[in-house]
Amino acid sequence: MPIEVTARHMHATDDLQDYARRRAEETLEEFPLIEHIHVILDIEKHGKRHLAEVVLQVKRHGTVEAAGSTDNLRASI
């Protein structure tokens, strides 16, 4: 199962990318029809807004997207 992590406007450390992958793997356990997960991490407005977006490719259902933003990137994930 491919899990892709992309960072925009920032450098995502290996630890942060691993954290995002682990959280995505938890989703796979509950929803076996997922074919691909893309996690997009972003920081906007001089580091005040941390965004995490997850795009899922799901068999027979197409694309499902979710996003969250907080002042902490791990909390956004």
Protein backbone atom coordinates (compact mmCIF):
# COMPACT_ATOMS: atom_id res chain seq x y z
CA MET A 1 0.00 0.00 0.00
CA PRO A 2 1.66 3.23 -1.06
CA ILE A 3 1.59 6.03 1.49
CA GLU A 4 3.03 9.25 0.13
CA VAL A 5 4.00 12.23 2.32
CA THR A 6 4.57 15.65 0.72
CA ALA A 7 5.77 18.82 2.45
CA ARG A 8 4.93 22.28 1.09
CA HIS A 9 6.66 25.49 2.17
CA MET A 10 8.70 23.55 4.72
CA HIS A 11 11.16 20.73 5.26
CA ALA A 12 9.50 17.78 6.97
CA THR A 13 11.90 15.88 9.20
CA ASP A 14 12.12 12.11 8.92
CA ASP A 15 10.46 11.84 12.34
CA LEU A 16 7.48 13.93 11.20
CA GLN A 17 7.13 11.93 7.97
CA ASP A 18 7.24 8.66 9.95
CA TYR A 19 4.57 10.00 12.31
CA ALA A 20 2.32 10.89 9.34
CA ARG A 21 2.85 7.42 7.82
CA ARG A 22 2.05 5.66 11.12
CA ARG A 23 -1.19 7.62 11.46
CA ALA A 24 -2.09 6.81 7.84
CA GLU A 25 -1.43 3.11 8.48
CA GLU A 26 -4.00 3.21 11.29
CA THR A 27 -6.58 4.30 8.71
CA LEU A 28 -5.71 1.30 6.53
CA GLU A 29 -6.51 -1.12 9.34
CA GLU A 30 -10.06 0.22 9.63
CA PHE A 31 -10.78 0.78 5.93
CA PRO A 32 -9.37 -2.06 3.80
CA LEU A 33 -10.69 -0.64 0.49
CA ILE A 34 -8.13 2.20 0.51
CA GLU A 35 -5.73 1.87 -2.43
CA HIS A 36 -3.48 4.92 -1.89
CA ILE A 37 -2.92 7.57 0.78
CA HIS A 38 -1.35 10.98 0.15
CA VAL A 39 -0.57 13.15 3.19
CA ILE A 40 0.22 16.80 2.43
CA LEU A 41 1.86 18.91 5.15
CA ASP A 42 2.01 22.69 4.87
CA ILE A 43 2.90 25.74 6.97
CA GLU A 44 1.32 29.10 6.11
CA LYS A 45 1.36 32.68 7.41
CA HIS A 46 4.89 32.81 8.83
CA GLY A 47 4.55 29.53 10.70
CA LYS A 48 1.29 30.36 12.49
CA ARG A 49 -1.00 27.97 10.61
CA HIS A 50 -0.03 24.30 10.27
CA LEU A 51 -2.09 22.32 7.79
CA ALA A 52 -2.40 18.60 7.17
CA GLU A 53 -4.45 17.27 4.28
CA VAL A 54 -5.10 13.60 3.56
CA VAL A 55 -6.26 12.37 0.16
CA LEU A 56 -7.47 8.75 -0.04
CA GLN A 57 -8.04 6.74 -3.20
CA VAL A 58 -10.74 4.23 -2.31
CA LYS A 59 -11.96 1.29 -4.42
CA ARG A 60 -15.47 1.86 -5.83
CA HIS A 61 -15.72 5.23 -4.04
CA GLY A 62 -13.20 7.47 -5.80
CA THR A 63 -11.34 10.13 -3.85
CA VAL A 64 -11.96 11.13 -0.23
CA GLU A 65 -10.24 14.20 1.27
CA ALA A 66 -9.87 15.53 4.80
CA ALA A 67 -7.95 18.49 6.20
CA GLY A 68 -7.08 19.95 9.56
CA SER A 69 -5.23 23.03 10.75
CA THR A 70 -3.90 24.00 14.17
CA ASP A 71 -0.84 25.75 15.57
CA ASN A 72 0.87 22.33 15.91
CA LEU A 73 1.57 20.17 12.85
CA ARG A 74 1.36 16.85 14.72
CA ALA A 75 -2.06 17.84 16.09
CA SER A 76 -3.17 18.74 12.55
CA ILE A 77 -2.21 15.28 11.34
